[in-house]
Amino acid sequence: MFKPDKILIMKKLFLFLSMGLIAGFVFFASCGGDDPVDELTPQQERAQTMRGTWTIESATVPQGVDPTILNGATMSFNASDDNNPTTFNSSGMPDFFNAQSNASWSFNGSSIDIVVLSNVSPVSEFNINNITASSMSISFSHPGLTAMAGGRIADLSGAYTANLTK
């Protein structure tokens, strides 16, 4: 038979073991995993993909326009460290995307398929038809007549589709 002292010792031992077990559960439950990684918005993901310089490889142009008019031209999209659109620059296509020194780009609202260009003329918006890490297809409309080099006037109005690579 147990003596009263042994029963008291057993109760205290059970109490300490129970408290130790509970403390262990609390300790391990409070140890979380790594801090959660902020997920990118669809716009940030698209800006991350677009970041860099893209070269126009080919284009579909309106009838009467030189089919090679955009070949070799470049578009550069910059983004901030948190993958938000910032500055825009272009080369080789002043009659389409004439970017001022403070040109920038953004998305049209929550859309990731419509890019709006600020301080760029005469084309200040285009649609993204398809995009991967290394290729992009865009479409846009030219508003009309433009003065070209040598004092010539050209009618560039109409719908364009350009295929770019990074």
C-alpha atoms as a PDB file:
ATOM      1  CA  MET A   1       0.000   0.000   0.000  1.00  0.00           C
ATOM      2  CA  PHE A   2       0.996   3.546  -0.637  1.00  0.00           C
ATOM      3  CA  LYS A   3       1.924   5.708   2.191  1.00  0.00           C
ATOM      4  CA  PRO A   4       0.423   9.197   2.293  1.00  0.00           C
ATOM      5  CA  ASP A   5       3.868  10.704   1.634  1.00  0.00           C
ATOM      6  CA  LYS A   6       4.224   8.676  -1.543  1.00  0.00           C
ATOM      7  CA  ILE A   7       0.781   9.777  -2.753  1.00  0.00           C
ATOM      8  CA  LEU A   8       1.685  13.405  -2.168  1.00  0.00           C
ATOM      9  CA  ILE A   9       4.993  12.956  -4.006  1.00  0.00           C
ATOM     10  CA  MET A  10       3.184  11.237  -6.918  1.00  0.00           C
ATOM     11  CA  LYS A  11       0.655  14.091  -7.136  1.00  0.00           C
ATOM     12  CA  LYS A  12       3.429  16.695  -7.162  1.00  0.00           C
ATOM     13  CA  LEU A  13       5.380  14.726  -9.771  1.00  0.00           C
ATOM     14  CA  PHE A  14       2.259  14.404 -11.947  1.00  0.00           C
ATOM     15  CA  LEU A  15       1.605  18.146 -11.550  1.00  0.00           C
ATOM     16  CA  PHE A  16       5.193  19.101 -12.542  1.00  0.00           C
ATOM     17  CA  LEU A  17       5.206  16.713 -15.489  1.00  0.00           C
ATOM     18  CA  SER A  18       1.841  18.059 -16.669  1.00  0.00           C
ATOM     19  CA  MET A  19       3.036  21.643 -16.359  1.00  0.00           C
ATOM     20  CA  GLY A  20       6.250  20.766 -18.238  1.00  0.00           C
ATOM     21  CA  LEU A  21       4.279  19.092 -20.988  1.00  0.00           C
ATOM     22  CA  ILE A  22       1.950  22.091 -21.343  1.00  0.00           C
ATOM     23  CA  ALA A  23       4.916  24.500 -21.349  1.00  0.00           C
ATOM     24  CA  GLY A  24       6.548  22.412 -24.071  1.00  0.00           C
ATOM     25  CA  PHE A  25       3.412  22.548 -26.216  1.00  0.00           C
ATOM     26  CA  VAL A  26       3.146  26.314 -25.746  1.00  0.00           C
ATOM     27  CA  PHE A  27       6.822  26.798 -26.619  1.00  0.00           C
ATOM     28  CA  PHE A  28       6.680  24.724 -29.802  1.00  0.00           C
ATOM     29  CA  ALA A  29       3.347  26.211 -30.834  1.00  0.00           C
ATOM     30  CA  SER A  30       4.806  29.708 -30.568  1.00  0.00           C
ATOM     31  CA  CYS A  31       7.689  28.768 -32.885  1.00  0.00           C
ATOM     32  CA  GLY A  32       6.271  29.696 -36.253  1.00  0.00           C
ATOM     33  CA  GLY A  33       7.801  29.170 -39.644  1.00  0.00           C
ATOM     34  CA  ASP A  34       9.604  31.845 -41.593  1.00  0.00           C
ATOM     35  CA  ASP A  35       7.980  35.207 -42.026  1.00  0.00           C
ATOM     36  CA  PRO A  36       5.461  35.062 -44.830  1.00  0.00           C
ATOM     37  CA  VAL A  37       6.735  36.304 -48.182  1.00  0.00           C
ATOM     38  CA  ASP A  38       4.641  39.111 -49.583  1.00  0.00           C
ATOM     39  CA  GLU A  39       2.893  37.892 -52.679  1.00  0.00           C
ATOM     40  CA  LEU A  40       3.123  40.069 -55.769  1.00  0.00           C
ATOM     41  CA  THR A  41       0.016  41.569 -57.292  1.00  0.00           C
ATOM     42  CA  PRO A  42      -0.746  40.646 -60.916  1.00  0.00           C
ATOM     43  CA  GLN A  43       0.543  44.108 -61.940  1.00  0.00           C
ATOM     44  CA  GLN A  44       3.811  43.576 -60.054  1.00  0.00           C
ATOM     45  CA  GLU A  45       4.265  40.147 -61.619  1.00  0.00           C
ATOM     46  CA  ARG A  46       3.657  41.582 -65.099  1.00  0.00           C
ATOM     47  CA  ALA A  47       6.014  44.531 -64.417  1.00  0.00           C
ATOM     48  CA  GLN A  48       8.673  42.054 -63.301  1.00  0.00           C
ATOM     49  CA  THR A  49       8.265  40.162 -66.589  1.00  0.00           C
ATOM     50  CA  MET A  50       8.295  43.365 -68.663  1.00  0.00           C
ATOM     51  CA  ARG A  51      11.342  44.875 -66.951  1.00  0.00           C
ATOM     52  CA  GLY A  52      14.191  45.230 -69.429  1.00  0.00           C
ATOM     53  CA  THR A  53      14.810  46.183 -73.051  1.00  0.00           C
ATOM     54  CA  TRP A  54      12.704  44.616 -75.785  1.00  0.00           C
ATOM     55  CA  THR A  55      13.560  44.658 -79.503  1.00  0.00           C
ATOM     56  CA  ILE A  56      10.915  44.609 -82.215  1.00  0.00           C
ATOM     57  CA  GLU A  57      11.649  41.648 -84.470  1.00  0.00           C
ATOM     58  CA  SER A  58       8.635  41.923 -86.778  1.00  0.00           C
ATOM     59  CA  ALA A  59       5.413  43.861 -87.166  1.00  0.00           C
ATOM     60  CA  THR A  60       2.109  43.719 -88.971  1.00  0.00           C
ATOM     61  CA  VAL A  61       1.381  47.206 -90.324  1.00  0.00           C
ATOM     62  CA  PRO A  62      -1.472  48.882 -92.228  1.00  0.00           C
ATOM     63  CA  GLN A  63      -1.460  48.671 -96.004  1.00  0.00           C
ATOM     64  CA  GLY A  64       0.815  51.276 -97.568  1.00  0.00           C
ATOM     65  CA  VAL A  65       3.180  51.466 -94.579  1.00  0.00           C
ATOM     66  CA  ASP A  66       6.734  50.100 -94.938  1.00  0.00           C
ATOM     67  CA  PRO A  67       6.542  46.655 -93.262  1.00  0.00           C
ATOM     68  CA  THR A  68      10.032  47.081 -91.774  1.00  0.00           C
ATOM     69  CA  ILE A  69       9.363  50.533 -90.264  1.00  0.00           C
ATOM     70  CA  LEU A  70       9.523  49.182 -86.691  1.00  0.00           C
ATOM     71  CA  ASN A  71      12.127  46.427 -87.104  1.00  0.00           C
ATOM     72  CA  GLY A  72      15.053  46.782 -84.719  1.00  0.00           C
ATOM     73  CA  ALA A  73      13.403  49.479 -82.609  1.00  0.00           C
ATOM     74  CA  THR A  74      13.561  49.039 -78.843  1.00  0.00           C
ATOM     75  CA  MET A  75      11.322  49.665 -75.879  1.00  0.00           C
ATOM     76  CA  SER A  76      12.745  49.753 -72.351  1.00  0.00           C
ATOM     77  CA  PHE A  77      10.574  49.239 -69.295  1.00  0.00           C
ATOM     78  CA  ASN A  78      11.954  49.921 -65.841  1.00  0.00           C
ATOM     79  CA  ALA A  79      10.410  48.919 -62.537  1.00  0.00           C
ATOM     80  CA  SER A  80      11.111  49.759 -58.922  1.00  0.00           C
ATOM     81  CA  ASP A  81      12.613  47.299 -56.445  1.00  0.00           C
ATOM     82  CA  ASP A  82       9.074  46.347 -55.404  1.00  0.00           C
ATOM     83  CA  ASN A  83       8.165  45.639 -59.067  1.00  0.00           C
ATOM     84  CA  ASN A  84       6.020  48.653 -59.800  1.00  0.00           C
ATOM     85  CA  PRO A  85       6.317  50.317 -63.227  1.00  0.00           C
ATOM     86  CA  THR A  86       8.564  53.389 -63.379  1.00  0.00           C
ATOM     87  CA  THR A  87      10.327  54.838 -66.422  1.00  0.00           C
ATOM     88  CA  PHE A  88       9.953  54.095 -70.123  1.00  0.00           C
ATOM     89  CA  ASN A  89      12.293  54.739 -73.034  1.00  0.00           C
ATOM     90  CA  SER A  90      12.275  53.889 -76.722  1.00  0.00           C
ATOM     91  CA  SER A  91      14.733  53.985 -79.573  1.00  0.00           C
ATOM     92  CA  GLY A  92      14.362  53.779 -83.317  1.00  0.00           C
ATOM     93  CA  MET A  93      10.693  54.698 -83.573  1.00  0.00           C
ATOM     94  CA  PRO A  94      10.175  58.425 -82.940  1.00  0.00           C
ATOM     95  CA  ASP A  95       7.096  58.444 -85.194  1.00  0.00           C
ATOM     96  CA  PHE A  96       5.382  56.006 -82.849  1.00  0.00           C
ATOM     97  CA  PHE A  97       6.734  56.070 -79.293  1.00  0.00           C
ATOM     98  CA  ASN A  98       8.568  59.377 -78.938  1.00  0.00           C
ATOM     99  CA  ALA A  99       9.504  59.298 -75.261  1.00  0.00           C
ATOM    100  CA  GLN A 100      10.341  62.510 -73.412  1.00  0.00           C
ATOM    101  CA  SER A 101      13.060  62.436 -70.744  1.00  0.00           C
ATOM    102  CA  ASN A 102      10.459  61.925 -67.998  1.00  0.00           C
ATOM    103  CA  ALA A 103       8.447  59.209 -69.778  1.00  0.00           C
ATOM    104  CA  SER A 104       6.872  56.524 -67.624  1.00  0.00           C
ATOM    105  CA  TRP A 105       4.574  53.570 -67.953  1.00  0.00           C
ATOM    106  CA  SER A 106       1.763  52.044 -65.922  1.00  0.00           C
ATOM    107  CA  PHE A 107      -1.156  49.706 -66.277  1.00  0.00           C
ATOM    108  CA  ASN A 108      -4.657  50.875 -67.078  1.00  0.00           C
ATOM    109  CA  GLY A 109      -6.351  50.374 -63.712  1.00  0.00           C
ATOM    110  CA  SER A 110      -6.354  46.764 -62.608  1.00  0.00           C
ATOM    111  CA  SER A 111      -5.678  45.496 -66.143  1.00  0.00           C
ATOM    112  CA  ILE A 112      -2.337  43.864 -66.846  1.00  0.00           C
ATOM    113  CA  ASP A 113      -2.961  43.802 -70.588  1.00  0.00           C
ATOM    114  CA  ILE A 114      -3.222  47.550 -71.257  1.00  0.00           C
ATOM    115  CA  VAL A 115      -0.096  49.675 -70.825  1.00  0.00           C
ATOM    116  CA  VAL A 116      -0.424  53.447 -70.576  1.00  0.00           C
ATOM    117  CA  LEU A 117       2.604  55.577 -71.474  1.00  0.00           C
ATOM    118  CA  SER A 118       2.981  59.055 -69.980  1.00  0.00           C
ATOM    119  CA  ASN A 119       4.954  61.760 -71.796  1.00  0.00           C
ATOM    120  CA  VAL A 120       5.110  59.598 -74.928  1.00  0.00           C
ATOM    121  CA  SER A 121       3.539  60.519 -78.270  1.00  0.00           C
ATOM    122  CA  PRO A 122       1.836  60.001 -80.639  1.00  0.00           C
ATOM    123  CA  VAL A 123       1.067  56.469 -79.391  1.00  0.00           C
ATOM    124  CA  SER A 124       0.497  56.528 -75.640  1.00  0.00           C
ATOM    125  CA  GLU A 125      -1.162  53.166 -75.047  1.00  0.00           C
ATOM    126  CA  PHE A 126      -0.833  49.593 -76.241  1.00  0.00           C
ATOM    127  CA  ASN A 127      -2.338  46.195 -75.548  1.00  0.00           C
ATOM    128  CA  ILE A 128      -0.306  43.165 -74.581  1.00  0.00           C
ATOM    129  CA  ASN A 129      -1.543  40.238 -76.639  1.00  0.00           C
ATOM    130  CA  ASN A 130       0.890  37.666 -75.316  1.00  0.00           C
ATOM    131  CA  ILE A 131       3.946  37.746 -73.070  1.00  0.00           C
ATOM    132  CA  THR A 132       6.570  35.336 -71.753  1.00  0.00           C
ATOM    133  CA  ALA A 133       9.910  35.981 -70.085  1.00  0.00           C
ATOM    134  CA  SER A 134      11.568  36.481 -73.496  1.00  0.00           C
ATOM    135  CA  SER A 135       8.861  37.386 -76.020  1.00  0.00           C
ATOM    136  CA  MET A 136       5.976  39.818 -76.157  1.00  0.00           C
ATOM    137  CA  SER A 137       3.327  40.653 -78.736  1.00  0.00           C
ATOM    138  CA  ILE A 138       1.679  44.063 -78.545  1.00  0.00           C
ATOM    139  CA  SER A 139      -0.947  45.882 -80.573  1.00  0.00           C
ATOM    140  CA  PHE A 140      -1.619  49.588 -80.874  1.00  0.00           C
ATOM    141  CA  SER A 141      -3.125  52.184 -83.173  1.00  0.00           C
ATOM    142  CA  HIS A 142      -1.326  55.143 -84.694  1.00  0.00           C
ATOM    143  CA  PRO A 143      -3.552  58.243 -84.719  1.00  0.00           C
ATOM    144  CA  GLY A 144      -2.655  59.527 -88.183  1.00  0.00           C
ATOM    145  CA  LEU A 145      -0.328  61.836 -90.052  1.00  0.00           C
ATOM    146  CA  THR A 146       3.182  62.439 -88.808  1.00  0.00           C
ATOM    147  CA  ALA A 147       6.105  64.555 -89.963  1.00  0.00           C
ATOM    148  CA  MET A 148       9.034  62.317 -90.819  1.00  0.00           C
ATOM    149  CA  ALA A 149      12.722  63.047 -91.372  1.00  0.00           C
ATOM    150  CA  GLY A 150      13.456  65.169 -94.430  1.00  0.00           C
ATOM    151  CA  GLY A 151      10.247  67.180 -94.064  1.00  0.00           C
ATOM    152  CA  ARG A 152       8.030  64.442 -95.461  1.00  0.00           C
ATOM    153  CA  ILE A 153       4.556  63.809 -94.118  1.00  0.00           C
ATOM    154  CA  ALA A 154       3.445  60.198 -93.764  1.00  0.00           C
ATOM    155  CA  ASP A 155       0.091  58.674 -92.999  1.00  0.00           C
ATOM    156  CA  LEU A 156       0.871  56.025 -90.426  1.00  0.00           C
ATOM    157  CA  SER A 157      -2.699  55.722 -89.162  1.00  0.00           C
ATOM    158  CA  GLY A 158      -4.079  52.303 -88.465  1.00  0.00           C
ATOM    159  CA  ALA A 159      -3.645  49.180 -86.388  1.00  0.00           C
ATOM    160  CA  TYR A 160      -0.239  47.639 -85.702  1.00  0.00           C
ATOM    161  CA  THR A 161       0.946  44.430 -84.091  1.00  0.00           C
ATOM    162  CA  ALA A 162       4.574  44.108 -83.062  1.00  0.00           C
ATOM    163  CA  ASN A 163       6.515  41.056 -81.915  1.00  0.00           C
ATOM    164  CA  LEU A 164       9.327  41.800 -79.484  1.00  0.00           C
ATOM    165  CA  THR A 165      12.066  39.758 -77.853  1.00  0.00           C
ATOM    166  CA  LYS A 166      14.164  40.398 -74.772  1.00  0.00           C
END
